[in-house]
Amino acid sequence: MRFLVDRCAGRRLAEWLRYNGHDALDAQTIGPDPGDQALLELAESENRILITIDKDFGELIYRHGVAHAGLIRLPDVRIAQRIGIVAEIIDRYHSELAGRAVVTIQGRHVRVSHPPTN
């Protein structure tokens, strides 16, 4: 799978994804922070699932209809738990992510949603 890992999600997560055979781009390597919408558009243009802890991406997708290639939102997940949770999400929700779903982890709950496509 192809991922774009937001700065806030951590470099270790991007490294772990690459180590496990995924194509993972670390947002820190693309230069200064371009802003949420530009990051989401970059992920979509390269068919990458964006991984973030930032809640603003959901608003861009649902309220403003910004196109995306899938999103994993980890707003409540501590850095020490991110790799394990992302591994579980990839394993359990691989087909949903391939279908451009938005997967959100809130506490112990996983929410999978399919925003309208443009």
PDB file of N, CA and C in Angstrom:
ATOM      1  N   MET A   1       0.847  -1.176   0.000  1.00  0.00           N
ATOM      2  CA  MET A   1       0.000   0.000   0.000  1.00  0.00           C
ATOM      3  C   MET A   1       0.892   1.238   0.000  1.00  0.00           C
ATOM      4  N   ARG A   2       0.292   2.338  -0.454  1.00  0.00           N
ATOM      5  CA  ARG A   2       1.010   3.607  -0.523  1.00  0.00           C
ATOM      6  C   ARG A   2       0.463   4.561   0.543  1.00  0.00           C
ATOM      7  N   PHE A   3       1.369   5.174   1.294  1.00  0.00           N
ATOM      8  CA  PHE A   3       0.978   6.053   2.390  1.00  0.00           C
ATOM      9  C   PHE A   3       1.727   7.378   2.318  1.00  0.00           C
ATOM     10  N   LEU A   4       1.087   8.409   2.861  1.00  0.00           N
ATOM     11  CA  LEU A   4       1.734   9.675   3.167  1.00  0.00           C
ATOM     12  C   LEU A   4       1.536   9.876   4.656  1.00  0.00           C
ATOM     13  N   VAL A   5       2.630   9.947   5.396  1.00  0.00           N
ATOM     14  CA  VAL A   5       2.561  10.060   6.851  1.00  0.00           C
ATOM     15  C   VAL A   5       2.759  11.526   7.218  1.00  0.00           C
ATOM     16  N   ASP A   6       1.729  12.122   7.793  1.00  0.00           N
ATOM     17  CA  ASP A   6       1.764  13.518   8.223  1.00  0.00           C
ATOM     18  C   ASP A   6       2.860  13.696   9.272  1.00  0.00           C
ATOM     19  N   ARG A   7       3.398  14.903   9.331  1.00  0.00           N
ATOM     20  CA  ARG A   7       4.466  15.227  10.289  1.00  0.00           C
ATOM     21  C   ARG A   7       4.085  14.838  11.713  1.00  0.00           C
ATOM     22  N   CYS A   8       2.858  15.116  12.089  1.00  0.00           N
ATOM     23  CA  CYS A   8       2.414  14.877  13.456  1.00  0.00           C
ATOM     24  C   CYS A   8       2.305  13.391  13.795  1.00  0.00           C
ATOM     25  N   ALA A   9       2.221  12.534  12.789  1.00  0.00           N
ATOM     26  CA  ALA A   9       2.088  11.094  13.041  1.00  0.00           C
ATOM     27  C   ALA A   9       3.423  10.435  13.358  1.00  0.00           C
ATOM     28  N   GLY A  10       4.521  11.050  12.962  1.00  0.00           N
ATOM     29  CA  GLY A  10       5.828  10.569  13.368  1.00  0.00           C
ATOM     30  C   GLY A  10       6.646   9.861  12.309  1.00  0.00           C
ATOM     31  N   ARG A  11       7.909  10.165  12.308  1.00  0.00           N
ATOM     32  CA  ARG A  11       8.865   9.578  11.366  1.00  0.00           C
ATOM     33  C   ARG A  11       9.013   8.073  11.579  1.00  0.00           C
ATOM     34  N   ARG A  12       8.966   7.630  12.830  1.00  0.00           N
ATOM     35  CA  ARG A  12       9.113   6.187  13.110  1.00  0.00           C
ATOM     36  C   ARG A  12       8.026   5.370  12.428  1.00  0.00           C
ATOM     37  N   LEU A  13       6.823   5.917  12.352  1.00  0.00           N
ATOM     38  CA  LEU A  13       5.731   5.218  11.687  1.00  0.00           C
ATOM     39  C   LEU A  13       6.032   5.059  10.200  1.00  0.00           C
ATOM     40  N   ALA A  14       6.518   6.110   9.561  1.00  0.00           N
ATOM     41  CA  ALA A  14       6.875   6.027   8.132  1.00  0.00           C
ATOM     42  C   ALA A  14       7.985   5.006   7.918  1.00  0.00           C
ATOM     43  N   GLU A  15       8.977   5.006   8.783  1.00  0.00           N
ATOM     44  CA  GLU A  15      10.076   4.041   8.674  1.00  0.00           C
ATOM     45  C   GLU A  15       9.562   2.621   8.839  1.00  0.00           C
ATOM     46  N   TRP A  16       8.680   2.415   9.799  1.00  0.00           N
ATOM     47  CA  TRP A  16       8.124   1.082  10.029  1.00  0.00           C
ATOM     48  C   TRP A  16       7.337   0.611   8.806  1.00  0.00           C
ATOM     49  N   LEU A  17       6.540   1.488   8.213  1.00  0.00           N
ATOM     50  CA  LEU A  17       5.772   1.123   7.021  1.00  0.00           C
ATOM     51  C   LEU A  17       6.702   0.697   5.890  1.00  0.00           C
ATOM     52  N   ARG A  18       7.759   1.470   5.655  1.00  0.00           N
ATOM     53  CA  ARG A  18       8.717   1.114   4.595  1.00  0.00           C
ATOM     54  C   ARG A  18       9.393  -0.215   4.904  1.00  0.00           C
ATOM     55  N   TYR A  19       9.785  -0.415   6.141  1.00  0.00           N
ATOM     56  CA  TYR A  19      10.439  -1.661   6.547  1.00  0.00           C
ATOM     57  C   TYR A  19       9.537  -2.859   6.283  1.00  0.00           C
ATOM     58  N   ASN A  20       8.229  -2.642   6.381  1.00  0.00           N
ATOM     59  CA  ASN A  20       7.262  -3.719   6.179  1.00  0.00           C
ATOM     60  C   ASN A  20       6.710  -3.771   4.764  1.00  0.00           C
ATOM     61  N   GLY A  21       7.424  -3.180   3.826  1.00  0.00           N
ATOM     62  CA  GLY A  21       7.119  -3.347   2.413  1.00  0.00           C
ATOM     63  C   GLY A  21       6.150  -2.355   1.801  1.00  0.00           C
ATOM     64  N   HIS A  22       5.760  -1.348   2.534  1.00  0.00           N
ATOM     65  CA  HIS A  22       4.843  -0.344   2.002  1.00  0.00           C
ATOM     66  C   HIS A  22       5.630   0.819   1.404  1.00  0.00           C
ATOM     67  N   ASP A  23       5.006   1.513   0.499  1.00  0.00           N
ATOM     68  CA  ASP A  23       5.565   2.729  -0.085  1.00  0.00           C
ATOM     69  C   ASP A  23       5.083   3.878   0.790  1.00  0.00           C
ATOM     70  N   ALA A  24       5.944   4.368   1.670  1.00  0.00           N
ATOM     71  CA  ALA A  24       5.539   5.391   2.631  1.00  0.00           C
ATOM     72  C   ALA A  24       6.394   6.641   2.473  1.00  0.00           C
ATOM     73  N   LEU A  25       5.731   7.745   2.223  1.00  0.00           N
ATOM     74  CA  LEU A  25       6.375   9.034   2.114  1.00  0.00           C
ATOM     75  C   LEU A  25       6.174   9.774   3.423  1.00  0.00           C
ATOM     76  N   ASP A  26       7.264  10.247   4.003  1.00  0.00           N
ATOM     77  CA  ASP A  26       7.216  11.005   5.245  1.00  0.00           C
ATOM     78  C   ASP A  26       7.052  12.480   4.873  1.00  0.00           C
ATOM     79  N   ALA A  27       5.995  13.129   5.328  1.00  0.00           N
ATOM     80  CA  ALA A  27       5.720  14.525   4.973  1.00  0.00           C
ATOM     81  C   ALA A  27       6.873  15.449   5.361  1.00  0.00           C
ATOM     82  N   GLN A  28       7.649  15.079   6.340  1.00  0.00           N
ATOM     83  CA  GLN A  28       8.780  15.913   6.753  1.00  0.00           C
ATOM     84  C   GLN A  28       9.840  16.022   5.655  1.00  0.00           C
ATOM     85  N   THR A  29       9.857  15.071   4.745  1.00  0.00           N
ATOM     86  CA  THR A  29      10.892  15.063   3.701  1.00  0.00           C
ATOM     87  C   THR A  29      10.511  15.893   2.482  1.00  0.00           C
ATOM     88  N   ILE A  30       9.299  16.431   2.439  1.00  0.00           N
ATOM     89  CA  ILE A  30       8.886  17.180   1.245  1.00  0.00           C
ATOM     90  C   ILE A  30       9.064  18.682   1.396  1.00  0.00           C
ATOM     91  N   GLY A  31       9.691  19.118   2.474  1.00  0.00           N
ATOM     92  CA  GLY A  31       9.932  20.544   2.675  1.00  0.00           C
ATOM     93  C   GLY A  31       9.025  21.119   3.740  1.00  0.00           C
ATOM     94  N   PRO A  32       8.909  22.451   3.742  1.00  0.00           N
ATOM     95  CA  PRO A  32       8.053  23.106   4.746  1.00  0.00           C
ATOM     96  C   PRO A  32       6.622  22.618   4.647  1.00  0.00           C
ATOM     97  N   ASP A  33       5.920  22.674   5.760  1.00  0.00           N
ATOM     98  CA  ASP A  33       4.537  22.216   5.818  1.00  0.00           C
ATOM     99  C   ASP A  33       3.689  23.001   4.818  1.00  0.00           C
ATOM    100  N   PRO A  34       3.094  22.316   3.828  1.00  0.00           N
ATOM    101  CA  PRO A  34       2.322  23.010   2.804  1.00  0.00           C
ATOM    102  C   PRO A  34       0.888  23.337   3.242  1.00  0.00           C
ATOM    103  N   GLY A  35       0.480  22.856   4.406  1.00  0.00           N
ATOM    104  CA  GLY A  35      -0.898  23.036   4.868  1.00  0.00           C
ATOM    105  C   GLY A  35      -1.707  21.781   4.628  1.00  0.00           C
ATOM    106  N   ASP A  36      -2.790  21.664   5.364  1.00  0.00           N
ATOM    107  CA  ASP A  36      -3.598  20.438   5.338  1.00  0.00           C
ATOM    108  C   ASP A  36      -4.184  20.138   3.963  1.00  0.00           C
ATOM    109  N   GLN A  37      -4.782  21.118   3.322  1.00  0.00           N
ATOM    110  CA  GLN A  37      -5.420  20.853   2.034  1.00  0.00           C
ATOM    111  C   GLN A  37      -4.394  20.432   0.989  1.00  0.00           C
ATOM    112  N   ALA A  38      -3.256  21.108   0.940  1.00  0.00           N
ATOM    113  CA  ALA A  38      -2.212  20.748  -0.033  1.00  0.00           C
ATOM    114  C   ALA A  38      -1.682  19.352   0.246  1.00  0.00           C
ATOM    115  N   LEU A  39      -1.554  18.987   1.512  1.00  0.00           N
ATOM    116  CA  LEU A  39      -1.078  17.653   1.872  1.00  0.00           C
ATOM    117  C   LEU A  39      -2.087  16.587   1.446  1.00  0.00           C
ATOM    118  N   LEU A  40      -3.362  16.845   1.677  1.00  0.00           N
ATOM    119  CA  LEU A  40      -4.411  15.914   1.270  1.00  0.00           C
ATOM    120  C   LEU A  40      -4.450  15.782  -0.252  1.00  0.00           C
ATOM    121  N   GLU A  41      -4.286  16.881  -0.950  1.00  0.00           N
ATOM    122  CA  GLU A  41      -4.273  16.856  -2.415  1.00  0.00           C
ATOM    123  C   GLU A  41      -3.059  16.105  -2.948  1.00  0.00           C
ATOM    124  N   LEU A  42      -1.907  16.271  -2.302  1.00  0.00           N
ATOM    125  CA  LEU A  42      -0.711  15.521  -2.703  1.00  0.00           C
ATOM    126  C   LEU A  42      -0.944  14.028  -2.524  1.00  0.00           C
ATOM    127  N   ALA A  43      -1.488  13.642  -1.384  1.00  0.00           N
ATOM    128  CA  ALA A  43      -1.764  12.227  -1.129  1.00  0.00           C
ATOM    129  C   ALA A  43      -2.714  11.675  -2.178  1.00  0.00           C
ATOM    130  N   GLU A  44      -3.737  12.424  -2.528  1.00  0.00           N
ATOM    131  CA  GLU A  44      -4.710  11.965  -3.518  1.00  0.00           C
ATOM    132  C   GLU A  44      -4.059  11.852  -4.892  1.00  0.00           C
ATOM    133  N   SER A  45      -3.250  12.834  -5.261  1.00  0.00           N
ATOM    134  CA  SER A  45      -2.635  12.815  -6.597  1.00  0.00           C
ATOM    135  C   SER A  45      -1.654  11.665  -6.773  1.00  0.00           C
ATOM    136  N   GLU A  46      -1.077  11.197  -5.664  1.00  0.00           N
ATOM    137  CA  GLU A  46      -0.134  10.075  -5.717  1.00  0.00           C
ATOM    138  C   GLU A  46      -0.765   8.769  -5.242  1.00  0.00           C
ATOM    139  N   ASN A  47      -2.085   8.781  -5.063  1.00  0.00           N
ATOM    140  CA  ASN A  47      -2.828   7.609  -4.610  1.00  0.00           C
ATOM    141  C   ASN A  47      -2.250   7.032  -3.311  1.00  0.00           C
ATOM    142  N   ARG A  48      -2.052   7.925  -2.343  1.00  0.00           N
ATOM    143  CA  ARG A  48      -1.508   7.547  -1.039  1.00  0.00           C
ATOM    144  C   ARG A  48      -2.565   7.752   0.043  1.00  0.00           C
ATOM    145  N   ILE A  49      -2.649   6.831   0.959  1.00  0.00           N
ATOM    146  CA  ILE A  49      -3.517   6.956   2.122  1.00  0.00           C
ATOM    147  C   ILE A  49      -2.790   7.858   3.110  1.00  0.00           C
ATOM    148  N   LEU A  50      -3.444   8.910   3.541  1.00  0.00           N
ATOM    149  CA  LEU A  50      -2.839   9.843   4.481  1.00  0.00           C
ATOM    150  C   LEU A  50      -3.045   9.341   5.902  1.00  0.00           C
ATOM    151  N   ILE A  51      -1.973   9.338   6.684  1.00  0.00           N
ATOM    152  CA  ILE A  51      -2.057   8.959   8.096  1.00  0.00           C
ATOM    153  C   ILE A  51      -1.740  10.204   8.913  1.00  0.00           C
ATOM    154  N   THR A  52      -2.642  10.544   9.835  1.00  0.00           N
ATOM    155  CA  THR A  52      -2.492  11.769  10.616  1.00  0.00           C
ATOM    156  C   THR A  52      -3.122  11.618  11.990  1.00  0.00           C
ATOM    157  N   ILE A  53      -2.761  12.531  12.887  1.00  0.00           N
ATOM    158  CA  ILE A  53      -3.483  12.641  14.156  1.00  0.00           C
ATOM    159  C   ILE A  53      -4.370  13.883  14.138  1.00  0.00           C
ATOM    160  N   ASP A  54      -4.240  14.680  13.102  1.00  0.00           N
ATOM    161  CA  ASP A  54      -4.943  15.949  12.941  1.00  0.00           C
ATOM    162  C   ASP A  54      -6.408  15.710  12.566  1.00  0.00           C
ATOM    163  N   LYS A  55      -7.318  16.383  13.251  1.00  0.00           N
ATOM    164  CA  LYS A  55      -8.750  16.226  12.991  1.00  0.00           C
ATOM    165  C   LYS A  55      -9.234  17.067  11.811  1.00  0.00           C
ATOM    166  N   ASP A  56      -8.449  18.047  11.374  1.00  0.00           N
ATOM    167  CA  ASP A  56      -8.875  18.960  10.318  1.00  0.00           C
ATOM    168  C   ASP A  56      -9.109  18.271   8.974  1.00  0.00           C
ATOM    169  N   PHE A  57      -8.448  17.166   8.726  1.00  0.00           N
ATOM    170  CA  PHE A  57      -8.595  16.491   7.441  1.00  0.00           C
ATOM    171  C   PHE A  57     -10.013  15.963   7.238  1.00  0.00           C
ATOM    172  N   GLY A  58     -10.655  15.516   8.295  1.00  0.00           N
ATOM    173  CA  GLY A  58     -12.031  15.068   8.195  1.00  0.00           C
ATOM    174  C   GLY A  58     -12.943  16.192   7.731  1.00  0.00           C
ATOM    175  N   GLU A  59     -12.730  17.386   8.234  1.00  0.00           N
ATOM    176  CA  GLU A  59     -13.525  18.539   7.815  1.00  0.00           C
ATOM    177  C   GLU A  59     -13.289  18.850   6.337  1.00  0.00           C
ATOM    178  N   LEU A  60     -12.048  18.775   5.902  1.00  0.00           N
ATOM    179  CA  LEU A  60     -11.756  19.032   4.483  1.00  0.00           C
ATOM    180  C   LEU A  60     -12.479  18.031   3.582  1.00  0.00           C
ATOM    181  N   ILE A  61     -12.500  16.787   4.002  1.00  0.00           N
ATOM    182  CA  ILE A  61     -13.132  15.741   3.193  1.00  0.00           C
ATOM    183  C   ILE A  61     -14.658  15.840   3.247  1.00  0.00           C
ATOM    184  N   TYR A  62     -15.219  15.930   4.445  1.00  0.00           N
ATOM    185  CA  TYR A  62     -16.668  15.863   4.595  1.00  0.00           C
ATOM    186  C   TYR A  62     -17.383  17.184   4.328  1.00  0.00           C
ATOM    187  N   ARG A  63     -16.823  18.284   4.789  1.00  0.00           N
ATOM    188  CA  ARG A  63     -17.499  19.581   4.624  1.00  0.00           C
ATOM    189  C   ARG A  63     -17.154  20.273   3.317  1.00  0.00           C
ATOM    190  N   HIS A  64     -15.907  20.104   2.884  1.00  0.00           N
ATOM    191  CA  HIS A  64     -15.447  20.853   1.716  1.00  0.00           C
ATOM    192  C   HIS A  64     -15.266  19.984   0.482  1.00  0.00           C
ATOM    193  N   GLY A  65     -15.472  18.689   0.619  1.00  0.00           N
ATOM    194  CA  GLY A  65     -15.430  17.785  -0.525  1.00  0.00           C
ATOM    195  C   GLY A  65     -14.067  17.633  -1.184  1.00  0.00           C
ATOM    196  N   VAL A  66     -12.993  17.827  -0.414  1.00  0.00           N
ATOM    197  CA  VAL A  66     -11.645  17.668  -0.975  1.00  0.00           C
ATOM    198  C   VAL A  66     -11.417  16.186  -1.279  1.00  0.00           C
ATOM    199  N   ALA A  67     -10.958  15.907  -2.485  1.00  0.00           N
ATOM    200  CA  ALA A  67     -10.699  14.526  -2.896  1.00  0.00           C
ATOM    201  C   ALA A  67      -9.580  13.923  -2.051  1.00  0.00           C
ATOM    202  N   HIS A  68      -9.625  12.606  -1.898  1.00  0.00           N
ATOM    203  CA  HIS A  68      -8.613  11.912  -1.100  1.00  0.00           C
ATOM    204  C   HIS A  68      -8.484  10.480  -1.597  1.00  0.00           C
ATOM    205  N   ALA A  69      -7.414   9.841  -1.163  1.00  0.00           N
ATOM    206  CA  ALA A  69      -7.176   8.447  -1.543  1.00  0.00           C
ATOM    207  C   ALA A  69      -7.331   7.516  -0.344  1.00  0.00           C
ATOM    208  N   GLY A  70      -7.934   8.010   0.715  1.00  0.00           N
ATOM    209  CA  GLY A  70      -8.081   7.257   1.955  1.00  0.00           C
ATOM    210  C   GLY A  70      -7.399   8.007   3.084  1.00  0.00           C
ATOM    211  N   LEU A  71      -7.864   7.761   4.285  1.00  0.00           N
ATOM    212  CA  LEU A  71      -7.351   8.492   5.438  1.00  0.00           C
ATOM    213  C   LEU A  71      -7.404   7.597   6.667  1.00  0.00           C
ATOM    214  N   ILE A  72      -6.320   7.601   7.417  1.00  0.00           N
ATOM    215  CA  ILE A  72      -6.293   6.966   8.736  1.00  0.00           C
ATOM    216  C   ILE A  72      -6.087   8.097   9.735  1.00  0.00           C
ATOM    217  N   ARG A  73      -7.070   8.267  10.622  1.00  0.00           N
ATOM    218  CA  ARG A  73      -7.015   9.330  11.631  1.00  0.00           C
ATOM    219  C   ARG A  73      -6.787   8.703  12.999  1.00  0.00           C
ATOM    220  N   LEU A  74      -5.748   9.182  13.691  1.00  0.00           N
ATOM    221  CA  LEU A  74      -5.366   8.648  14.991  1.00  0.00           C
ATOM    222  C   LEU A  74      -5.343   9.765  16.041  1.00  0.00           C
ATOM    223  N   PRO A  75      -6.436  10.497  16.220  1.00  0.00           N
ATOM    224  CA  PRO A  75      -6.381  11.678  17.079  1.00  0.00           C
ATOM    225  C   PRO A  75      -6.102  11.398  18.550  1.00  0.00           C
ATOM    226  N   ASP A  76      -6.459  10.244  19.028  1.00  0.00           N
ATOM    227  CA  ASP A  76      -6.310   9.933  20.453  1.00  0.00           C
ATOM    228  C   ASP A  76      -5.235   8.883  20.730  1.00  0.00           C
ATOM    229  N   VAL A  77      -4.408   8.571  19.740  1.00  0.00           N
ATOM    230  CA  VAL A  77      -3.458   7.471  19.879  1.00  0.00           C
ATOM    231  C   VAL A  77      -2.078   8.013  20.251  1.00  0.00           C
ATOM    232  N   ARG A  78      -1.552   7.523  21.332  1.00  0.00           N
ATOM    233  CA  ARG A  78      -0.213   7.930  21.774  1.00  0.00           C
ATOM    234  C   ARG A  78       0.843   7.394  20.819  1.00  0.00           C
ATOM    235  N   ILE A  79       1.946   8.086  20.748  1.00  0.00           N
ATOM    236  CA  ILE A  79       3.011   7.735  19.810  1.00  0.00           C
ATOM    237  C   ILE A  79       3.495   6.305  20.004  1.00  0.00           C
ATOM    238  N   ALA A  80       3.555   5.838  21.241  1.00  0.00           N
ATOM    239  CA  ALA A  80       4.037   4.485  21.519  1.00  0.00           C
ATOM    240  C   ALA A  80       3.094   3.411  20.975  1.00  0.00           C
ATOM    241  N   GLN A  81       1.841   3.762  20.730  1.00  0.00           N
ATOM    242  CA  GLN A  81       0.840   2.795  20.270  1.00  0.00           C
ATOM    243  C   GLN A  81       0.577   2.874  18.769  1.00  0.00           C
ATOM    244  N   ARG A  82       1.057   3.912  18.101  1.00  0.00           N
ATOM    245  CA  ARG A  82       0.682   4.148  16.699  1.00  0.00           C
ATOM    246  C   ARG A  82       1.051   3.016  15.760  1.00  0.00           C
ATOM    247  N   ILE A  83       2.259   2.498  15.862  1.00  0.00           N
ATOM    248  CA  ILE A  83       2.680   1.447  14.938  1.00  0.00           C
ATOM    249  C   ILE A  83       1.789   0.218  15.080  1.00  0.00           C
ATOM    250  N   GLY A  84       1.538  -0.213  16.295  1.00  0.00           N
ATOM    251  CA  GLY A  84       0.700  -1.386  16.513  1.00  0.00           C
ATOM    252  C   GLY A  84      -0.716  -1.190  16.005  1.00  0.00           C
ATOM    253  N   ILE A  85      -1.269  -0.018  16.225  1.00  0.00           N
ATOM    254  CA  ILE A  85      -2.630   0.249  15.781  1.00  0.00           C
ATOM    255  C   ILE A  85      -2.694   0.342  14.264  1.00  0.00           C
ATOM    256  N   VAL A  86      -1.713   1.005  13.642  1.00  0.00           N
ATOM    257  CA  VAL A  86      -1.697   1.090  12.184  1.00  0.00           C
ATOM    258  C   VAL A  86      -1.537  -0.304  11.580  1.00  0.00           C
ATOM    259  N   ALA A  87      -0.706  -1.136  12.178  1.00  0.00           N
ATOM    260  CA  ALA A  87      -0.554  -2.510  11.685  1.00  0.00           C
ATOM    261  C   ALA A  87      -1.891  -3.241  11.725  1.00  0.00           C
ATOM    262  N   GLU A  88      -2.627  -3.077  12.801  1.00  0.00           N
ATOM    263  CA  GLU A  88      -3.926  -3.728  12.932  1.00  0.00           C
ATOM    264  C   GLU A  88      -4.933  -3.164  11.921  1.00  0.00           C
ATOM    265  N   ILE A  89      -4.913  -1.853  11.718  1.00  0.00           N
ATOM    266  CA  ILE A  89      -5.825  -1.232  10.748  1.00  0.00           C
ATOM    267  C   ILE A  89      -5.543  -1.764   9.345  1.00  0.00           C
ATOM    268  N   ILE A  90      -4.273  -1.820   8.977  1.00  0.00           N
ATOM    269  CA  ILE A  90      -3.916  -2.325   7.644  1.00  0.00           C
ATOM    270  C   ILE A  90      -4.380  -3.770   7.485  1.00  0.00           C
ATOM    271  N   ASP A  91      -4.163  -4.568   8.512  1.00  0.00           N
ATOM    272  CA  ASP A  91      -4.547  -5.975   8.448  1.00  0.00           C
ATOM    273  C   ASP A  91      -6.071  -6.147   8.351  1.00  0.00           C
ATOM    274  N   ARG A  92      -6.807  -5.457   9.195  1.00  0.00           N
ATOM    275  CA  ARG A  92      -8.260  -5.641   9.267  1.00  0.00           C
ATOM    276  C   ARG A  92      -9.045  -4.879   8.198  1.00  0.00           C
ATOM    277  N   TYR A  93      -8.542  -3.716   7.804  1.00  0.00           N
ATOM    278  CA  TYR A  93      -9.318  -2.827   6.934  1.00  0.00           C
ATOM    279  C   TYR A  93      -8.623  -2.555   5.603  1.00  0.00           C
ATOM    280  N   HIS A  94      -7.837  -3.502   5.153  1.00  0.00           N
ATOM    281  CA  HIS A  94      -7.094  -3.351   3.902  1.00  0.00           C
ATOM    282  C   HIS A  94      -8.016  -3.022   2.732  1.00  0.00           C
ATOM    283  N   SER A  95      -9.090  -3.775   2.585  1.00  0.00           N
ATOM    284  CA  SER A  95      -9.985  -3.553   1.433  1.00  0.00           C
ATOM    285  C   SER A  95     -10.731  -2.228   1.553  1.00  0.00           C
ATOM    286  N   GLU A  96     -11.107  -1.838   2.765  1.00  0.00           N
ATOM    287  CA  GLU A  96     -11.774  -0.550   2.945  1.00  0.00           C
ATOM    288  C   GLU A  96     -10.831   0.597   2.603  1.00  0.00           C
ATOM    289  N   LEU A  97      -9.579   0.491   3.040  1.00  0.00           N
ATOM    290  CA  LEU A  97      -8.602   1.529   2.721  1.00  0.00           C
ATOM    291  C   LEU A  97      -8.354   1.600   1.216  1.00  0.00           C
ATOM    292  N   ALA A  98      -8.288   0.446   0.571  1.00  0.00           N
ATOM    293  CA  ALA A  98      -8.112   0.426  -0.883  1.00  0.00           C
ATOM    294  C   ALA A  98      -9.305   1.081  -1.578  1.00  0.00           C
ATOM    295  N   GLY A  99     -10.460   1.078  -0.927  1.00  0.00           N
ATOM    296  CA  GLY A  99     -11.655   1.717  -1.454  1.00  0.00           C
ATOM    297  C   GLY A  99     -11.817   3.159  -1.001  1.00  0.00           C
ATOM    298  N   ARG A 100     -10.744   3.759  -0.514  1.00  0.00           N
ATOM    299  CA  ARG A 100     -10.702   5.179  -0.125  1.00  0.00           C
ATOM    300  C   ARG A 100     -11.559   5.506   1.099  1.00  0.00           C
ATOM    301  N   ALA A 101     -11.591   4.598   2.036  1.00  0.00           N
ATOM    302  CA  ALA A 101     -12.341   4.837   3.274  1.00  0.00           C
ATOM    303  C   ALA A 101     -11.567   5.774   4.195  1.00  0.00           C
ATOM    304  N   VAL A 102     -12.304   6.323   5.143  1.00  0.00           N
ATOM    305  CA  VAL A 102     -11.714   7.082   6.232  1.00  0.00           C
ATOM    306  C   VAL A 102     -11.852   6.211   7.474  1.00  0.00           C
ATOM    307  N   VAL A 103     -10.712   5.862   8.079  1.00  0.00           N
ATOM    308  CA  VAL A 103     -10.696   5.031   9.279  1.00  0.00           C
ATOM    309  C   VAL A 103     -10.232   5.909  10.432  1.00  0.00           C
ATOM    310  N   THR A 104     -11.078   6.005  11.451  1.00  0.00           N
ATOM    311  CA  THR A 104     -10.780   6.858  12.602  1.00  0.00           C
ATOM    312  C   THR A 104     -10.743   6.007  13.859  1.00  0.00           C
ATOM    313  N   ILE A 105      -9.695   6.205  14.645  1.00  0.00           N
ATOM    314  CA  ILE A 105      -9.569   5.531  15.935  1.00  0.00           C
ATOM    315  C   ILE A 105      -9.891   6.553  17.014  1.00  0.00           C
ATOM    316  N   GLN A 106     -10.918   6.271  17.809  1.00  0.00           N
ATOM    317  CA  GLN A 106     -11.273   7.132  18.928  1.00  0.00           C
ATOM    318  C   GLN A 106     -11.406   6.260  20.153  1.00  0.00           C
ATOM    319  N   GLY A 107     -10.458   6.408  21.050  1.00  0.00           N
ATOM    320  CA  GLY A 107     -10.432   5.527  22.212  1.00  0.00           C
ATOM    321  C   GLY A 107     -10.221   4.105  21.754  1.00  0.00           C
ATOM    322  N   ARG A 108     -11.134   3.243  22.096  1.00  0.00           N
ATOM    323  CA  ARG A 108     -11.047   1.836  21.682  1.00  0.00           C
ATOM    324  C   ARG A 108     -11.966   1.521  20.500  1.00  0.00           C
ATOM    325  N   HIS A 109     -12.555   2.545  19.932  1.00  0.00           N
ATOM    326  CA  HIS A 109     -13.497   2.353  18.837  1.00  0.00           C
ATOM    327  C   HIS A 109     -12.856   2.683  17.494  1.00  0.00           C
ATOM    328  N   VAL A 110     -13.211   1.887  16.506  1.00  0.00           N
ATOM    329  CA  VAL A 110     -12.783   2.114  15.134  1.00  0.00           C
ATOM    330  C   VAL A 110     -14.022   2.472  14.333  1.00  0.00           C
ATOM    331  N   ARG A 111     -13.945   3.601  13.632  1.00  0.00           N
ATOM    332  CA  ARG A 111     -15.042   4.003  12.769  1.00  0.00           C
ATOM    333  C   ARG A 111     -14.539   4.015  11.334  1.00  0.00           C
ATOM    334  N   VAL A 112     -15.240   3.307  10.467  1.00  0.00           N
ATOM    335  CA  VAL A 112     -14.897   3.260   9.039  1.00  0.00           C
ATOM    336  C   VAL A 112     -16.033   3.938   8.296  1.00  0.00           C
ATOM    337  N   SER A 113     -15.697   4.935   7.512  1.00  0.00           N
ATOM    338  CA  SER A 113     -16.737   5.633   6.747  1.00  0.00           C
ATOM    339  C   SER A 113     -16.273   5.819   5.310  1.00  0.00           C
ATOM    340  N   HIS A 114     -17.239   5.979   4.452  1.00  0.00           N
ATOM    341  CA  HIS A 114     -16.991   6.144   3.032  1.00  0.00           C
ATOM    342  C   HIS A 114     -17.624   7.457   2.587  1.00  0.00           C
ATOM    343  N   PRO A 115     -16.828   8.536   2.594  1.00  0.00           N
ATOM    344  CA  PRO A 115     -17.387   9.815   2.168  1.00  0.00           C
ATOM    345  C   PRO A 115     -17.783   9.761   0.695  1.00  0.00           C
ATOM    346  N   PRO A 116     -18.707  10.623   0.306  1.00  0.00           N
ATOM    347  CA  PRO A 116     -19.095  10.646  -1.111  1.00  0.00           C
ATOM    348  C   PRO A 116     -17.891  10.961  -1.989  1.00  0.00           C
ATOM    349  N   THR A 117     -17.867  10.376  -3.158  1.00  0.00           N
ATOM    350  CA  THR A 117     -16.778  10.660  -4.100  1.00  0.00           C
ATOM    351  C   THR A 117     -17.189  11.811  -4.992  1.00  0.00           C
ATOM    352  N   ASN A 118     -16.183  12.517  -5.458  1.00  0.00           N
ATOM    353  CA  ASN A 118     -16.456  13.685  -6.327  1.00  0.00           C
ATOM    354  C   ASN A 118     -16.686  13.260  -7.743  1.00  0.00           C
TER     355      ASN A 118
END
